[in-house]
Amino acid sequence: MNSTLRESVSARAPESVEHQQPWRVVIAEDEALPAELLKRTVRRLGHLVVGSAQNGLEAIALTRQLVPDVVVMDLRMPVMDGWAAMAELTREMLSPIVVVSALDDRESLEQAIFAGASAYLTKPVREEDLERALELAVARFGDLREIRQLRAEAEQHVARQASQMRELERVIQELREAQLQLASAARRAAVTSLAHGLAHEINNALTPIIGNAQIIALLHDGNRETFERTQQIITHARRIAGWTASFRQVTMGSTRERIEFSFNDIARDVFGLYTERFERWGITTQLDLDQTLPAMHGRPDEIQEVLMLILQNAVEALRGGGEIEFSTRFDRARGLVAVRLTDTGVGILPEHLPLIFQPGFTTKGGVANMLLGWGLFTAQQIVQAHQGEIELHSPLENSTRGTEVQILLPLNPSDTA
C-alpha cells in the first residue's frame, strides 16, 4: 500500500507548497520506537516536533494548546483512538492531520478520511512519502479552511438576504395596511356624503307625506278607520325619518346624549313589529330574554335599528319558512349584554363573509338595488359607537345552512364613545 500511496500523493500533491520553514509538528503515537522514528524523520525534513502524545485525548489537548502546523497521528491508541480524536479536531479546524498507521485495509482508510485525515501513510514510513504527505495535508487544510470560510460567508449572505426579505415583506404588509386604511377612509367619506344626501332627499319626500296625512286625518276626523290609517302613515314616516337621522349621525359622528333603557323591552317591540310578517311567511320565533338583565345606557333608537336590521336579514333568508331564535344574556363579570340571533335560512356563501360589513355590499344585483347593502354596515357602526362588538357566522355549527349574529354591548359605555 505504501508504493501505491506514494504514487497517489506524488500525483495529487502540488509541485511546490509555500510555507515558512520549519513546520511545527505534534506526533501522536503510543509506541515508543515508532514515535522516536517519526520524530527523527520529521526533524530530518527540517521541521520541529513541538509535542508528543500517547493517546487521542493528549493529542487533542496538545493541539488545542500549541495549534501546530500539522499533526501526525496513529489510529490505534489507548484511552481514545485516532478516529475519535481526528473527528473532534476536524470539528474545531485547528490543524491538518496525517495518519501514520500499521492498518492497511480499505475500511480503516475510509474511516480515517471520513474522520478528517488529509493524508494516510502505512508503517514503516519512508522519508519522501512523509514529506509529500505533510505538504499535501497542509495544502488541503488551507483549501478546506478557504472553502469553510466561503461557506460561512455564503451562509451569512443568505441570512442577510432572508432578513432583507423579511423586512421587505414587513414593509409591503405595512403598505397594504396603509392602502386598506386609505380605501376605508375614502369609502367612509363616500358613505358620509351619501348618508347626508339620502337623509336630505328622504326627509324632503317625507315632509309632504306626513303633512298630507295630517290634513286627511283632520278632514276625516269622524271616520275612525281613515283616522287610524293616517296615523299609521304618520308613525311609519316618522320612523323612516328617525332611521335616516340615525344613519347620518352614525356615519358623521354622533354627539347625542345617552339615556337609560331596557334592552329586552326594545327586543320585544322589534319582534312585535314583525308579527304579521312571521305569520304570513311561516316563520316561528323563540325568544329567550334574560330577566336579570339590568338597564343599560345608550341611544335606544339606534339599538332598535340594529335589532331591526339583523332581524330583517334573517326574515329575508326565511321567505320559505323557518325558525328564528333570539336570546339575551347578562355577562356580569364583564358588565356586558350578550345578544345572539340565529336563523335556519339559506346562509351566506364563504366568499361573501369577508365583505358583509362593507358599506354598499349586497348580493341583490341590479340598478334597483344600488341603495341596498348598507344594513349590516350601519349596524356595525352603531354597535361600535356603543363600544360593542358584532360578529356574524355562517353556516351554523354542524349544519350547511343558517346564520348566527352575536353582539356584545357594555351596559355603561365610557364618555369617549
Protein backbone atom coordinates (compact mmCIF):
# COMPACT_ATOMS: atom_id res chain seq x y z
CA MET A 1 0.00 0.00 0.00
CA ASN A 2 2.98 2.30 0.63
CA SER A 3 4.10 2.39 -3.02
CA THR A 4 0.52 2.96 -4.23
CA LEU A 5 0.03 5.80 -1.79
CA ARG A 6 3.35 7.32 -2.76
CA GLU A 7 2.32 7.39 -6.42
CA SER A 8 -1.07 8.85 -5.45
CA VAL A 9 0.47 11.52 -3.23
CA SER A 10 3.03 12.43 -5.87
CA ALA A 11 0.30 12.76 -8.47
CA ARG A 12 -2.00 14.94 -6.35
CA ALA A 13 0.44 16.98 -4.27
CA PRO A 14 1.27 20.44 -5.57
CA GLU A 15 4.67 20.83 -7.21
CA SER A 16 5.64 23.30 -4.50
CA VAL A 17 3.95 24.24 -1.25
CA GLU A 18 4.88 27.65 0.00
CA HIS A 19 5.39 27.67 3.76
CA GLN A 20 7.62 29.18 6.38
CA GLN A 21 10.13 26.55 7.47
CA PRO A 22 10.21 24.84 9.80
CA TRP A 23 6.67 23.45 10.32
CA ARG A 24 5.64 22.84 13.90
CA VAL A 25 4.53 19.21 14.29
CA VAL A 26 2.71 17.28 17.04
CA ILE A 27 3.13 13.50 16.98
CA ALA A 28 0.51 11.19 18.49
CA GLU A 29 1.92 7.63 18.81
CA ASP A 30 1.57 5.30 21.79
CA GLU A 31 4.55 3.03 20.97
CA ALA A 32 7.97 4.40 21.85
CA LEU A 33 10.02 3.09 18.88
CA PRO A 34 7.66 4.24 16.08
CA ALA A 35 7.26 7.56 17.90
CA GLU A 36 11.04 8.05 18.02
CA LEU A 37 11.42 7.12 14.34
CA LEU A 38 8.75 9.63 13.36
CA LYS A 39 10.41 12.38 15.40
CA ARG A 40 13.78 11.76 13.70
CA THR A 41 12.18 11.68 10.24
CA VAL A 42 10.34 14.94 10.85
CA ARG A 43 13.48 16.61 12.10
CA ARG A 44 15.50 15.40 9.10
CA LEU A 45 12.88 17.06 6.90
CA GLY A 46 13.74 20.32 8.65
CA HIS A 47 10.61 20.62 10.84
CA LEU A 48 10.14 20.97 14.61
CA VAL A 49 8.46 18.42 16.84
CA VAL A 50 6.74 20.65 19.38
CA GLY A 51 4.77 17.98 21.23
CA SER A 52 4.25 14.23 21.68
CA ALA A 53 1.08 12.43 22.74
CA GLN A 54 0.44 8.78 23.61
CA ASN A 55 -3.36 8.77 23.13
CA GLY A 56 -6.17 10.68 21.47
CA LEU A 57 -7.03 12.81 24.49
CA GLU A 58 -3.43 14.01 24.85
CA ALA A 59 -3.33 14.74 21.12
CA ILE A 60 -6.45 16.91 21.37
CA ALA A 61 -5.10 18.78 24.39
CA LEU A 62 -1.71 19.44 22.77
CA THR A 63 -3.28 20.56 19.51
CA ARG A 64 -5.58 22.98 21.30
CA GLN A 65 -2.66 24.31 23.33
CA LEU A 66 0.03 24.55 20.64
CA VAL A 67 -2.01 24.82 17.40
CA PRO A 68 0.74 23.13 15.32
CA ASP A 69 1.09 23.39 11.55
CA VAL A 70 0.34 19.67 11.23
CA VAL A 71 -0.48 16.63 13.43
CA VAL A 72 0.94 13.15 12.70
CA MET A 73 -1.36 10.60 14.32
CA ASP A 74 -1.64 6.85 14.78
CA LEU A 75 -5.07 5.21 14.76
CA ARG A 76 -4.89 2.53 17.43
CA MET A 77 -4.14 4.26 20.71
CA PRO A 78 -5.34 3.74 24.31
CA VAL A 79 -7.93 5.90 26.13
CA MET A 80 -9.14 7.48 22.86
CA ASP A 81 -8.28 6.15 19.40
CA GLY A 82 -7.16 8.22 16.46
CA TRP A 83 -10.51 8.20 14.66
CA ALA A 84 -12.32 9.84 17.60
CA ALA A 85 -9.51 12.35 18.16
CA MET A 86 -9.48 13.30 14.46
CA ALA A 87 -13.25 13.80 14.40
CA GLU A 88 -13.01 16.19 17.37
CA LEU A 89 -10.07 18.16 15.92
CA THR A 90 -11.73 18.33 12.49
CA ARG A 91 -14.81 19.95 14.03
CA GLU A 92 -12.58 22.62 15.57
CA MET A 93 -10.46 23.06 12.40
CA LEU A 94 -7.20 23.64 14.32
CA SER A 95 -4.58 21.76 12.28
CA PRO A 96 -4.30 19.32 9.35
CA ILE A 97 -3.83 15.64 10.24
CA VAL A 98 -1.61 13.00 8.63
CA VAL A 99 -2.39 9.42 9.65
CA VAL A 100 0.54 7.01 10.09
CA SER A 101 -0.80 3.54 10.89
CA ALA A 102 0.00 -0.14 10.58
CA LEU A 103 -3.54 -0.71 9.30
CA ASP A 104 -3.58 -1.02 5.52
CA ASP A 105 -7.17 -2.13 4.86
CA ARG A 106 -9.60 -0.05 2.84
CA GLU A 107 -12.11 0.29 5.70
CA SER A 108 -9.55 1.88 8.00
CA LEU A 109 -8.54 4.28 5.24
CA GLU A 110 -12.14 5.31 4.52
CA GLN A 111 -12.91 5.78 8.22
CA ALA A 112 -9.82 7.93 8.66
CA ILE A 113 -10.69 10.14 5.69
CA PHE A 114 -14.27 10.43 6.95
CA ALA A 115 -12.94 11.46 10.38
CA GLY A 116 -10.87 14.23 8.80
CA ALA A 117 -7.46 12.87 7.74
CA SER A 118 -5.79 14.88 4.99
CA ALA A 119 -3.26 12.12 4.15
CA TYR A 120 -2.76 8.44 5.04
CA LEU A 121 0.54 6.52 5.28
CA THR A 122 1.24 2.94 6.39
CA LYS A 123 4.15 1.93 8.59
CA PRO A 124 7.05 1.85 8.11
CA VAL A 125 7.13 5.36 6.68
CA ARG A 126 9.68 6.47 4.11
CA GLU A 127 11.04 9.97 4.43
CA GLU A 128 9.99 11.13 0.97
CA ASP A 129 6.44 9.79 1.50
CA LEU A 130 6.13 11.63 4.78
CA GLU A 131 7.39 14.85 3.20
CA ARG A 132 4.81 14.70 0.40
CA ALA A 133 2.07 13.73 2.86
CA LEU A 134 2.87 16.72 5.06
CA GLU A 135 2.81 19.03 2.06
CA LEU A 136 -0.46 17.55 0.84
CA ALA A 137 -2.07 17.82 4.29
CA VAL A 138 -1.08 21.47 4.71
CA ALA A 139 -2.27 22.35 1.19
CA ARG A 140 -5.58 20.50 1.63
CA PHE A 141 -6.11 22.08 5.02
CA GLY A 142 -5.63 25.55 3.59
CA ASP A 143 -8.13 24.77 0.82
CA LEU A 144 -10.58 23.36 3.33
CA ARG A 145 -10.31 26.44 5.50
CA GLU A 146 -10.93 28.64 2.49
CA ILE A 147 -13.93 26.53 1.49
CA ARG A 148 -15.33 26.73 5.00
CA GLN A 149 -14.76 30.47 5.04
CA LEU A 150 -16.55 30.83 1.71
CA ARG A 151 -19.36 28.64 3.00
CA ALA A 152 -19.67 30.74 6.16
CA GLU A 153 -19.74 33.91 4.08
CA ALA A 154 -22.36 32.37 1.80
CA GLU A 155 -24.48 31.39 4.80
CA GLN A 156 -24.16 34.92 6.20
CA HIS A 157 -25.14 36.31 2.80
CA VAL A 158 -28.17 34.02 2.68
CA ALA A 159 -29.07 35.04 6.25
CA ARG A 160 -28.79 38.73 5.30
CA GLN A 161 -30.94 38.13 2.23
CA ALA A 162 -33.51 36.30 4.36
CA SER A 163 -33.50 39.20 6.82
CA GLN A 164 -33.90 41.67 3.96
CA MET A 165 -36.77 39.59 2.55
CA ARG A 166 -38.49 39.60 5.92
CA GLU A 167 -38.02 43.36 6.16
CA LEU A 168 -39.35 43.77 2.62
CA GLU A 169 -42.37 41.62 3.46
CA ARG A 170 -42.96 43.76 6.57
CA VAL A 171 -42.79 46.97 4.52
CA ILE A 172 -45.13 45.51 1.88
CA GLN A 173 -47.56 44.47 4.60
CA GLU A 174 -47.46 47.96 6.10
CA LEU A 175 -48.09 49.45 2.66
CA ARG A 176 -51.03 47.11 2.13
CA GLU A 177 -52.47 48.08 5.51
CA ALA A 178 -51.97 51.75 4.68
CA GLN A 179 -53.72 51.24 1.33
CA LEU A 180 -56.60 49.48 3.06
CA GLN A 181 -56.86 52.32 5.57
CA LEU A 182 -56.88 54.87 2.75
CA ALA A 183 -59.50 52.87 0.86
CA SER A 184 -61.56 52.55 4.03
CA ALA A 185 -61.27 56.28 4.69
CA ALA A 186 -62.33 57.06 1.12
CA ARG A 187 -65.21 54.62 1.40
CA ARG A 188 -66.36 56.17 4.67
CA ALA A 189 -66.14 59.62 3.17
CA ALA A 190 -68.34 58.45 0.31
CA VAL A 191 -70.74 56.85 2.81
CA THR A 192 -70.91 60.08 4.82
CA SER A 193 -71.67 62.09 1.71
CA LEU A 194 -74.26 59.57 0.57
CA ALA A 195 -75.85 59.41 4.04
CA HIS A 196 -76.18 63.17 4.17
CA GLY A 197 -77.66 63.33 0.68
CA LEU A 198 -80.05 60.44 1.25
CA ALA A 199 -81.27 61.83 4.55
CA HIS A 200 -81.91 65.18 2.92
CA GLU A 201 -83.83 63.71 -0.03
CA ILE A 202 -85.80 61.25 2.10
CA ASN A 203 -86.77 63.98 4.57
CA ASN A 204 -87.87 66.19 1.68
CA ALA A 205 -90.12 63.39 0.47
CA LEU A 206 -91.43 62.56 3.94
CA THR A 207 -92.43 66.13 4.74
CA PRO A 208 -95.40 66.30 2.30
CA ILE A 209 -96.35 62.70 3.15
CA ILE A 210 -96.66 63.50 6.85
CA GLY A 211 -98.31 66.87 6.14
CA ASN A 212 -100.92 65.41 3.78
CA ALA A 213 -101.61 62.55 6.16
CA GLN A 214 -102.24 65.04 8.95
CA ILE A 215 -104.59 67.05 6.71
CA ILE A 216 -106.52 63.90 5.77
CA ALA A 217 -106.83 63.00 9.44
CA LEU A 218 -108.29 66.44 10.18
CA LEU A 219 -110.71 66.31 7.24
CA HIS A 220 -111.95 62.85 8.21
CA ASP A 221 -111.73 63.02 11.98
CA GLY A 222 -115.15 61.41 12.21
CA ASN A 223 -114.10 58.33 10.24
CA ARG A 224 -112.28 56.06 12.68
CA GLU A 225 -110.71 53.76 10.05
CA THR A 226 -109.39 56.66 7.99
CA PHE A 227 -108.03 58.34 11.09
CA GLU A 228 -106.20 55.12 12.21
CA ARG A 229 -104.71 54.54 8.77
CA THR A 230 -103.42 58.11 8.53
CA GLN A 231 -101.89 57.75 11.98
CA GLN A 232 -100.10 54.61 10.77
CA ILE A 233 -98.77 56.55 7.78
CA ILE A 234 -97.53 59.33 10.05
CA THR A 235 -95.96 56.89 12.55
CA HIS A 236 -94.05 54.90 9.92
CA ALA A 237 -92.99 58.01 8.05
CA ARG A 238 -91.55 59.47 11.24
CA ARG A 239 -89.79 56.14 11.92
CA ILE A 240 -88.18 56.35 8.49
CA ALA A 241 -87.09 59.89 9.27
CA GLY A 242 -85.61 58.66 12.55
CA TRP A 243 -83.68 55.90 10.77
CA THR A 244 -82.19 58.27 8.23
CA ALA A 245 -81.19 60.64 11.03
CA SER A 246 -79.53 57.79 12.94
CA PHE A 247 -77.70 56.63 9.83
CA ARG A 248 -76.39 60.12 9.21
CA GLN A 249 -75.33 60.52 12.85
CA VAL A 250 -73.50 57.19 12.83
CA THR A 251 -71.60 57.95 9.63
CA MET A 252 -70.84 61.58 10.54
CA GLY A 253 -70.25 61.11 14.26
CA SER A 254 -72.87 61.35 16.96
CA THR A 255 -72.79 63.62 19.97
CA ARG A 256 -76.24 62.77 21.30
CA GLU A 257 -76.57 62.11 25.00
CA ARG A 258 -77.02 58.51 26.11
CA ILE A 259 -80.05 57.61 28.24
CA GLU A 260 -81.11 54.63 30.32
CA PHE A 261 -83.34 51.99 28.68
CA SER A 262 -84.32 48.31 28.77
CA PHE A 263 -82.71 46.23 26.06
CA ASN A 264 -85.26 43.43 26.49
CA ASP A 265 -88.17 45.87 26.01
CA ILE A 266 -86.65 47.06 22.73
CA ALA A 267 -86.23 43.45 21.60
CA ARG A 268 -89.90 42.68 22.36
CA ASP A 269 -91.05 45.80 20.47
CA VAL A 270 -88.96 44.92 17.39
CA PHE A 271 -90.24 41.34 17.24
CA GLY A 272 -93.77 42.69 17.73
CA LEU A 273 -93.42 44.83 14.60
CA TYR A 274 -92.70 41.70 12.56
CA THR A 275 -95.55 39.54 13.95
CA GLU A 276 -97.72 39.82 10.85
CA ARG A 277 -94.80 39.04 8.54
CA PHE A 278 -93.81 36.00 10.64
CA GLU A 279 -97.31 34.58 10.29
CA ARG A 280 -97.54 35.33 6.57
CA TRP A 281 -94.23 33.63 5.72
CA GLY A 282 -94.48 30.70 8.13
CA ILE A 283 -91.63 31.81 10.41
CA THR A 284 -91.58 30.61 14.01
CA THR A 285 -89.68 32.57 16.65
CA GLN A 286 -88.25 31.72 20.02
CA LEU A 287 -87.25 34.49 22.42
CA ASP A 288 -85.12 33.73 25.46
CA LEU A 289 -84.61 37.02 27.28
CA ASP A 290 -82.54 37.19 30.45
CA GLN A 291 -84.84 38.72 33.06
CA THR A 292 -81.85 39.65 35.25
CA LEU A 293 -80.55 42.00 32.55
CA PRO A 294 -80.05 45.45 34.14
CA ALA A 295 -80.94 48.69 32.43
CA MET A 296 -78.24 49.89 30.04
CA HIS A 297 -77.19 53.32 28.82
CA GLY A 298 -77.01 54.36 25.21
CA ARG A 299 -79.23 55.57 22.38
CA PRO A 300 -82.26 53.25 22.33
CA ASP A 301 -83.46 54.29 18.87
CA GLU A 302 -80.10 53.25 17.41
CA ILE A 303 -80.13 49.95 19.30
CA GLN A 304 -83.65 49.35 17.98
CA GLU A 305 -82.36 49.99 14.47
CA VAL A 306 -79.59 47.41 14.93
CA LEU A 307 -82.09 44.77 16.02
CA MET A 308 -84.41 45.60 13.11
CA LEU A 309 -81.54 45.40 10.63
CA ILE A 310 -80.32 41.97 11.73
CA LEU A 311 -83.89 40.68 12.09
CA GLN A 312 -84.75 41.95 8.60
CA ASN A 313 -81.81 39.98 7.17
CA ALA A 314 -82.98 36.85 8.97
CA VAL A 315 -86.55 37.29 7.69
CA GLU A 316 -85.36 37.74 4.11
CA ALA A 317 -83.41 34.48 4.40
CA LEU A 318 -86.60 32.67 5.56
CA ARG A 319 -89.14 33.60 2.87
CA GLY A 320 -89.95 29.91 2.52
CA GLY A 321 -90.44 29.48 6.27
CA GLY A 322 -88.10 28.53 9.07
CA GLU A 323 -87.12 29.39 12.62
CA ILE A 324 -85.52 32.35 14.34
CA GLU A 325 -84.03 32.11 17.83
CA PHE A 326 -83.16 35.23 19.80
CA SER A 327 -81.57 35.39 23.25
CA THR A 328 -80.02 37.88 25.65
CA ARG A 329 -77.63 37.12 28.48
CA PHE A 330 -76.04 39.28 31.16
CA ASP A 331 -72.28 38.80 31.42
CA ARG A 332 -71.95 40.04 34.98
CA ALA A 333 -68.16 39.61 35.14
CA ARG A 334 -67.57 41.96 32.20
CA GLY A 335 -70.68 44.12 32.53
CA LEU A 336 -71.87 43.19 29.02
CA VAL A 337 -75.14 42.40 27.29
CA ALA A 338 -74.61 39.29 25.12
CA VAL A 339 -77.08 39.05 22.22
CA ARG A 340 -77.47 36.05 19.91
CA LEU A 341 -79.77 35.69 16.88
CA THR A 342 -79.83 32.58 14.70
CA ASP A 343 -81.93 31.62 11.70
CA THR A 344 -82.34 28.45 9.65
CA GLY A 345 -82.17 30.28 6.35
CA VAL A 346 -80.02 29.76 3.28
CA GLY A 347 -76.84 31.04 4.94
CA ILE A 348 -74.06 33.13 3.44
CA LEU A 349 -71.54 31.98 0.83
CA PRO A 350 -67.96 31.68 2.18
CA GLU A 351 -66.65 34.18 -0.38
CA HIS A 352 -69.19 36.77 0.82
CA LEU A 353 -68.41 36.52 4.54
CA PRO A 354 -65.36 38.88 4.50
CA LEU A 355 -67.47 41.53 2.71
CA ILE A 356 -70.72 41.55 4.68
CA PHE A 357 -69.85 44.60 6.82
CA GLN A 358 -68.54 46.66 3.92
CA PRO A 359 -70.73 49.65 3.01
CA GLY A 360 -72.80 49.07 -0.10
CA PHE A 361 -72.11 45.33 -0.34
CA THR A 362 -75.18 43.32 -1.35
CA THR A 363 -75.89 40.04 -3.09
CA LYS A 364 -79.01 41.57 -4.65
CA GLY A 365 -77.85 42.83 -8.05
CA GLY A 366 -79.40 45.30 -10.44
CA VAL A 367 -79.84 49.05 -10.63
CA ALA A 368 -82.92 48.87 -8.47
CA ASN A 369 -80.78 47.56 -5.62
CA MET A 370 -77.95 50.08 -5.79
CA LEU A 371 -79.04 51.63 -2.48
CA LEU A 372 -79.12 48.26 -0.67
CA GLY A 373 -76.21 46.77 1.21
CA TRP A 374 -75.95 49.36 3.98
CA GLY A 375 -77.80 47.44 6.71
CA LEU A 376 -75.00 45.42 8.32
CA PHE A 377 -72.56 48.26 7.82
CA THR A 378 -74.92 50.61 9.68
CA ALA A 379 -75.47 48.01 12.41
CA GLN A 380 -71.72 47.60 12.87
CA GLN A 381 -71.19 51.37 13.06
CA ILE A 382 -73.90 51.74 15.72
CA VAL A 383 -72.56 48.83 17.79
CA GLN A 384 -69.02 50.19 17.62
CA ALA A 385 -70.29 53.67 18.54
CA HIS A 386 -71.66 52.00 21.70
CA GLN A 387 -68.19 50.42 22.24
CA GLY A 388 -69.54 46.97 21.44
CA GLU A 389 -68.70 44.16 19.04
CA ILE A 390 -70.72 42.39 16.36
CA GLU A 391 -69.81 39.11 14.64
CA LEU A 392 -71.58 37.02 12.02
CA HIS A 393 -71.04 33.29 11.43
CA SER A 394 -72.50 31.21 8.62
CA PRO A 395 -73.43 28.40 8.24
CA LEU A 396 -74.41 27.32 11.73
CA GLU A 397 -72.20 24.81 13.53
CA ASN A 398 -72.86 21.21 12.42
CA SER A 399 -75.05 22.45 9.56
CA THR A 400 -74.77 23.57 5.94
CA ARG A 401 -77.37 26.34 6.38
CA GLY A 402 -78.29 29.13 8.73
CA THR A 403 -76.63 32.24 10.12
CA GLU A 404 -75.70 33.41 13.61
CA VAL A 405 -75.22 37.03 14.71
CA GLN A 406 -73.52 37.73 18.04
CA ILE A 407 -73.47 41.18 19.64
CA LEU A 408 -71.70 42.31 22.81
CA LEU A 409 -72.67 45.68 24.29
CA PRO A 410 -71.38 47.30 27.50
CA LEU A 411 -74.06 48.35 29.97
CA ASN A 412 -72.34 51.69 30.50
CA PRO A 413 -70.13 52.82 27.60
CA SER A 414 -67.47 55.35 28.52
CA ASP A 415 -67.94 59.01 27.70
CA THR A 416 -65.35 58.78 24.92
CA ALA A 417 -67.71 56.78 22.72
